[in-house]
Amino acid sequence: MKEKKIKVLALIPMELPKEIELDNTLEAMQKFVGGLIECITLSDTGSEITLVCNDEGKLLGLPLNRPLWDGADVLAGPGFLAGCDNEGNLTSLPQSAMDYYKETFRAFIIEI
């Protein structure tokens, strides 16, 4: 059953990662990232975690946020991490993943 609200890890440019609660609707997700959403699966914790970000963040020139994949790419604009069930629905991020990614994404990009 789809959760009405989900606990996610917000990744906002120039801020430390923080736990927030978000309505589990397309509209709320688009509002958070400022446009069309893109869902990217991260599997470095052994479970499926989804990075939700603006699909056109780089094209729109959104502020650089965080390095991804050891610097191979970069997140532009705000994004958040959520869990994912076996039907592809976003779910609350498990607390163990929340703690892991709070540390993993502590470093953010400072533009000069």
N, C-alpha and C. Protein backbone atom coordinates (compact mmCIF):
# COMPACT_ATOMS: atom_id res chain seq x y z
N MET A 1 0.83 -1.18 0.00
CA MET A 1 0.00 0.00 0.00
C MET A 1 0.88 1.25 0.00
N LYS A 2 0.56 2.19 -0.82
CA LYS A 2 1.35 3.41 -0.96
C LYS A 2 1.19 4.30 0.28
N GLU A 3 2.34 4.73 0.83
CA GLU A 3 2.33 5.61 2.00
C GLU A 3 1.88 7.00 1.57
N LYS A 4 1.06 7.67 2.41
CA LYS A 4 0.60 9.03 2.09
C LYS A 4 1.74 10.04 2.25
N LYS A 5 2.56 9.85 3.27
CA LYS A 5 3.73 10.71 3.51
C LYS A 5 4.92 9.78 3.67
N ILE A 6 6.07 10.24 3.21
CA ILE A 6 7.28 9.44 3.36
C ILE A 6 8.38 10.27 4.01
N LYS A 7 9.22 9.60 4.80
CA LYS A 7 10.39 10.25 5.39
C LYS A 7 11.53 10.07 4.41
N VAL A 8 12.13 11.19 4.01
CA VAL A 8 13.20 11.17 3.02
C VAL A 8 14.38 11.96 3.54
N LEU A 9 15.51 11.81 2.85
CA LEU A 9 16.70 12.59 3.17
C LEU A 9 16.83 13.68 2.11
N ALA A 10 16.61 14.92 2.53
CA ALA A 10 16.67 16.06 1.61
C ALA A 10 18.12 16.46 1.36
N LEU A 11 18.45 16.64 0.09
CA LEU A 11 19.77 17.10 -0.33
C LEU A 11 19.56 18.45 -1.02
N ILE A 12 19.86 19.51 -0.28
CA ILE A 12 19.64 20.87 -0.76
C ILE A 12 21.01 21.53 -0.92
N PRO A 13 21.23 22.24 -2.04
CA PRO A 13 22.52 22.89 -2.24
C PRO A 13 22.92 23.76 -1.04
N MET A 14 24.16 23.66 -0.65
CA MET A 14 24.77 24.45 0.41
C MET A 14 24.22 24.15 1.82
N GLU A 15 23.56 23.00 1.99
CA GLU A 15 23.04 22.60 3.29
C GLU A 15 23.43 21.16 3.58
N LEU A 16 23.53 20.83 4.87
CA LEU A 16 23.77 19.45 5.26
C LEU A 16 22.51 18.63 4.98
N PRO A 17 22.65 17.34 4.71
CA PRO A 17 21.47 16.50 4.49
C PRO A 17 20.57 16.53 5.72
N LYS A 18 19.26 16.52 5.49
CA LYS A 18 18.34 16.53 6.64
C LYS A 18 17.12 15.66 6.35
N GLU A 19 16.63 15.04 7.42
CA GLU A 19 15.43 14.22 7.33
C GLU A 19 14.21 15.13 7.27
N ILE A 20 13.33 14.86 6.31
CA ILE A 20 12.09 15.61 6.19
C ILE A 20 10.96 14.64 5.88
N GLU A 21 9.74 15.09 6.04
CA GLU A 21 8.57 14.32 5.64
C GLU A 21 7.97 15.00 4.42
N LEU A 22 7.63 14.21 3.43
CA LEU A 22 7.15 14.73 2.15
C LEU A 22 5.88 13.99 1.75
N ASP A 23 4.90 14.73 1.22
CA ASP A 23 3.72 14.05 0.68
C ASP A 23 4.19 13.13 -0.44
N ASN A 24 3.65 11.92 -0.48
CA ASN A 24 4.06 10.93 -1.48
C ASN A 24 3.20 11.09 -2.74
N THR A 25 3.31 12.30 -3.35
CA THR A 25 2.58 12.59 -4.59
C THR A 25 3.55 13.14 -5.62
N LEU A 26 3.23 12.96 -6.87
CA LEU A 26 4.05 13.49 -7.94
C LEU A 26 4.18 15.01 -7.82
N GLU A 27 3.08 15.67 -7.50
CA GLU A 27 3.07 17.13 -7.39
C GLU A 27 4.04 17.61 -6.31
N ALA A 28 4.03 16.95 -5.15
CA ALA A 28 4.91 17.35 -4.04
C ALA A 28 6.38 17.13 -4.42
N MET A 29 6.65 16.04 -5.11
CA MET A 29 8.02 15.75 -5.53
C MET A 29 8.50 16.76 -6.56
N GLN A 30 7.65 17.09 -7.53
CA GLN A 30 8.02 18.08 -8.54
C GLN A 30 8.24 19.44 -7.91
N LYS A 31 7.42 19.80 -6.94
CA LYS A 31 7.59 21.09 -6.25
C LYS A 31 8.93 21.11 -5.52
N PHE A 32 9.28 20.00 -4.86
CA PHE A 32 10.52 19.95 -4.10
C PHE A 32 11.74 20.13 -5.00
N VAL A 33 11.76 19.45 -6.15
CA VAL A 33 12.94 19.52 -7.03
C VAL A 33 12.86 20.67 -8.03
N GLY A 34 11.70 21.33 -8.11
CA GLY A 34 11.56 22.49 -8.99
C GLY A 34 11.35 22.15 -10.45
N GLY A 35 10.68 21.04 -10.74
CA GLY A 35 10.42 20.68 -12.13
C GLY A 35 10.16 19.20 -12.30
N LEU A 36 10.41 18.72 -13.51
CA LEU A 36 10.22 17.31 -13.82
C LEU A 36 11.16 16.46 -12.98
N ILE A 37 10.66 15.32 -12.50
CA ILE A 37 11.51 14.48 -11.66
C ILE A 37 12.19 13.39 -12.47
N GLU A 38 13.37 13.03 -11.99
CA GLU A 38 14.10 11.87 -12.50
C GLU A 38 14.40 11.01 -11.28
N CYS A 39 14.19 9.70 -11.41
CA CYS A 39 14.47 8.76 -10.33
C CYS A 39 15.67 7.90 -10.71
N ILE A 40 16.71 7.94 -9.89
CA ILE A 40 17.94 7.21 -10.14
C ILE A 40 18.13 6.21 -9.01
N THR A 41 18.32 4.95 -9.35
CA THR A 41 18.50 3.91 -8.33
C THR A 41 19.95 3.88 -7.86
N LEU A 42 20.11 3.93 -6.54
CA LEU A 42 21.42 3.76 -5.91
C LEU A 42 21.39 2.40 -5.23
N SER A 43 22.42 1.61 -5.39
CA SER A 43 22.40 0.28 -4.77
C SER A 43 23.67 0.00 -3.97
N ASP A 44 24.34 1.04 -3.51
CA ASP A 44 25.60 0.82 -2.78
C ASP A 44 25.40 0.39 -1.33
N THR A 45 24.16 0.36 -0.83
CA THR A 45 23.93 -0.11 0.52
C THR A 45 23.40 -1.54 0.56
N GLY A 46 23.23 -2.15 -0.61
CA GLY A 46 22.69 -3.49 -0.67
C GLY A 46 21.18 -3.52 -0.80
N SER A 47 20.55 -2.36 -0.64
CA SER A 47 19.10 -2.28 -0.86
C SER A 47 18.85 -1.15 -1.85
N GLU A 48 17.69 -1.18 -2.46
CA GLU A 48 17.41 -0.18 -3.48
C GLU A 48 16.96 1.14 -2.86
N ILE A 49 17.73 2.16 -3.13
CA ILE A 49 17.44 3.51 -2.68
C ILE A 49 17.29 4.35 -3.94
N THR A 50 16.35 5.29 -3.93
CA THR A 50 16.09 6.11 -5.10
C THR A 50 16.46 7.56 -4.83
N LEU A 51 17.28 8.12 -5.71
CA LEU A 51 17.59 9.54 -5.70
C LEU A 51 16.58 10.21 -6.63
N VAL A 52 15.80 11.12 -6.10
CA VAL A 52 14.83 11.86 -6.90
C VAL A 52 15.37 13.27 -7.07
N CYS A 53 15.51 13.69 -8.34
CA CYS A 53 16.09 14.99 -8.63
C CYS A 53 15.39 15.61 -9.83
N ASN A 54 15.78 16.84 -10.16
CA ASN A 54 15.22 17.54 -11.31
C ASN A 54 15.84 16.95 -12.56
N ASP A 55 15.00 16.48 -13.46
CA ASP A 55 15.45 15.85 -14.70
C ASP A 55 16.28 16.79 -15.56
N GLU A 56 16.03 18.09 -15.46
CA GLU A 56 16.73 19.08 -16.29
C GLU A 56 17.62 20.00 -15.46
N GLY A 57 18.01 19.56 -14.27
CA GLY A 57 18.77 20.41 -13.35
C GLY A 57 20.00 21.05 -13.96
N LYS A 58 20.79 20.26 -14.66
CA LYS A 58 22.02 20.80 -15.27
C LYS A 58 21.68 21.72 -16.44
N LEU A 59 20.71 21.32 -17.27
CA LEU A 59 20.31 22.13 -18.43
C LEU A 59 19.77 23.49 -18.00
N LEU A 60 19.06 23.52 -16.86
CA LEU A 60 18.48 24.76 -16.36
C LEU A 60 19.48 25.60 -15.58
N GLY A 61 20.68 25.05 -15.38
CA GLY A 61 21.70 25.79 -14.64
C GLY A 61 21.41 25.89 -13.15
N LEU A 62 20.72 24.88 -12.59
CA LEU A 62 20.46 24.90 -11.15
C LEU A 62 21.79 24.80 -10.40
N PRO A 63 21.83 25.32 -9.18
CA PRO A 63 23.08 25.28 -8.41
C PRO A 63 23.59 23.85 -8.24
N LEU A 64 24.91 23.69 -8.37
CA LEU A 64 25.50 22.38 -8.14
C LEU A 64 25.30 22.02 -6.68
N ASN A 65 25.03 20.75 -6.43
CA ASN A 65 24.64 20.31 -5.10
C ASN A 65 25.70 19.40 -4.49
N ARG A 66 25.84 18.19 -5.03
CA ARG A 66 26.75 17.20 -4.46
C ARG A 66 27.36 16.33 -5.54
N PRO A 67 28.61 15.87 -5.30
CA PRO A 67 29.19 14.91 -6.23
C PRO A 67 28.50 13.56 -6.07
N LEU A 68 28.34 12.87 -7.19
CA LEU A 68 27.76 11.52 -7.19
C LEU A 68 28.78 10.54 -7.74
N TRP A 69 28.70 9.31 -7.30
CA TRP A 69 29.55 8.23 -7.80
C TRP A 69 31.02 8.64 -7.79
N ASP A 70 31.49 9.03 -6.62
CA ASP A 70 32.90 9.41 -6.42
C ASP A 70 33.36 10.49 -7.40
N GLY A 71 32.45 11.42 -7.69
CA GLY A 71 32.81 12.55 -8.54
C GLY A 71 32.62 12.33 -10.02
N ALA A 72 32.10 11.16 -10.42
CA ALA A 72 31.88 10.90 -11.85
C ALA A 72 30.73 11.73 -12.41
N ASP A 73 29.84 12.21 -11.54
CA ASP A 73 28.72 13.04 -11.96
C ASP A 73 28.42 13.99 -10.81
N VAL A 74 27.46 14.88 -11.03
CA VAL A 74 27.10 15.84 -9.99
C VAL A 74 25.59 16.04 -9.99
N LEU A 75 25.04 16.19 -8.81
CA LEU A 75 23.63 16.52 -8.65
C LEU A 75 23.49 18.03 -8.76
N ALA A 76 22.58 18.49 -9.60
CA ALA A 76 22.31 19.93 -9.74
C ALA A 76 20.91 20.21 -9.22
N GLY A 77 20.79 21.18 -8.33
CA GLY A 77 19.50 21.51 -7.74
C GLY A 77 19.18 20.59 -6.59
N PRO A 78 18.02 20.82 -5.96
CA PRO A 78 17.64 19.99 -4.82
C PRO A 78 17.23 18.59 -5.25
N GLY A 79 17.39 17.66 -4.33
CA GLY A 79 16.97 16.28 -4.55
C GLY A 79 16.70 15.63 -3.22
N PHE A 80 16.23 14.41 -3.26
CA PHE A 80 16.03 13.68 -2.01
C PHE A 80 16.19 12.19 -2.26
N LEU A 81 16.46 11.47 -1.17
CA LEU A 81 16.61 10.02 -1.21
C LEU A 81 15.41 9.38 -0.53
N ALA A 82 14.86 8.37 -1.18
CA ALA A 82 13.73 7.63 -0.64
C ALA A 82 13.96 6.14 -0.84
N GLY A 83 13.19 5.33 -0.14
CA GLY A 83 13.22 3.91 -0.36
C GLY A 83 12.33 3.57 -1.55
N CYS A 84 12.30 2.30 -1.92
CA CYS A 84 11.49 1.86 -3.05
C CYS A 84 11.01 0.45 -2.77
N ASP A 85 9.70 0.21 -2.99
CA ASP A 85 9.19 -1.14 -2.78
C ASP A 85 9.33 -1.98 -4.06
N ASN A 86 8.91 -3.24 -4.00
CA ASN A 86 9.10 -4.12 -5.15
C ASN A 86 8.13 -3.82 -6.30
N GLU A 87 7.22 -2.87 -6.11
CA GLU A 87 6.33 -2.45 -7.19
C GLU A 87 6.77 -1.12 -7.81
N GLY A 88 7.88 -0.58 -7.32
CA GLY A 88 8.40 0.68 -7.85
C GLY A 88 7.86 1.93 -7.18
N ASN A 89 7.07 1.76 -6.12
CA ASN A 89 6.56 2.92 -5.37
C ASN A 89 7.61 3.44 -4.42
N LEU A 90 7.69 4.76 -4.28
CA LEU A 90 8.61 5.33 -3.31
C LEU A 90 8.07 5.10 -1.91
N THR A 91 8.98 4.83 -0.99
CA THR A 91 8.64 4.58 0.41
C THR A 91 9.56 5.41 1.29
N SER A 92 9.28 5.41 2.58
CA SER A 92 10.18 6.08 3.52
C SER A 92 11.55 5.44 3.45
N LEU A 93 12.57 6.26 3.59
CA LEU A 93 13.94 5.77 3.59
C LEU A 93 14.19 5.05 4.91
N PRO A 94 14.63 3.79 4.88
CA PRO A 94 14.93 3.08 6.13
C PRO A 94 15.96 3.86 6.96
N GLN A 95 15.83 3.79 8.28
CA GLN A 95 16.70 4.57 9.16
C GLN A 95 18.17 4.23 8.95
N SER A 96 18.49 2.97 8.69
CA SER A 96 19.90 2.60 8.47
C SER A 96 20.45 3.31 7.23
N ALA A 97 19.65 3.39 6.17
CA ALA A 97 20.07 4.10 4.96
C ALA A 97 20.12 5.60 5.21
N MET A 98 19.18 6.12 6.00
CA MET A 98 19.16 7.54 6.35
C MET A 98 20.49 7.91 7.02
N ASP A 99 20.91 7.11 7.99
CA ASP A 99 22.15 7.37 8.71
C ASP A 99 23.36 7.26 7.78
N TYR A 100 23.38 6.23 6.94
CA TYR A 100 24.49 6.01 6.01
C TYR A 100 24.64 7.19 5.04
N TYR A 101 23.53 7.60 4.42
CA TYR A 101 23.60 8.66 3.42
C TYR A 101 23.78 10.05 4.02
N LYS A 102 23.40 10.24 5.28
CA LYS A 102 23.69 11.52 5.95
C LYS A 102 25.20 11.74 5.97
N GLU A 103 25.94 10.68 6.23
CA GLU A 103 27.40 10.78 6.24
C GLU A 103 27.97 10.83 4.81
N THR A 104 27.44 9.98 3.94
CA THR A 104 27.94 9.90 2.56
C THR A 104 27.80 11.23 1.84
N PHE A 105 26.68 11.93 2.06
CA PHE A 105 26.42 13.18 1.34
C PHE A 105 26.63 14.42 2.20
N ARG A 106 27.46 14.32 3.23
CA ARG A 106 27.78 15.49 4.06
C ARG A 106 28.49 16.57 3.25
N ALA A 107 29.34 16.15 2.33
CA ALA A 107 30.10 17.10 1.53
C ALA A 107 29.24 17.66 0.41
N PHE A 108 29.15 18.97 0.36
CA PHE A 108 28.41 19.59 -0.74
C PHE A 108 29.33 20.49 -1.53
N ILE A 109 28.88 20.89 -2.70
CA ILE A 109 29.69 21.70 -3.59
C ILE A 109 29.48 23.17 -3.30
N ILE A 110 30.56 23.89 -3.12
CA ILE A 110 30.50 25.34 -2.92
C ILE A 110 30.93 26.00 -4.20
N GLU A 111 30.05 26.76 -4.81
CA GLU A 111 30.38 27.46 -6.05
C GLU A 111 30.96 28.84 -5.72
N ILE A 112 32.00 29.19 -6.45
CA ILE A 112 32.65 30.50 -6.24
C ILE A 112 32.39 31.37 -7.44
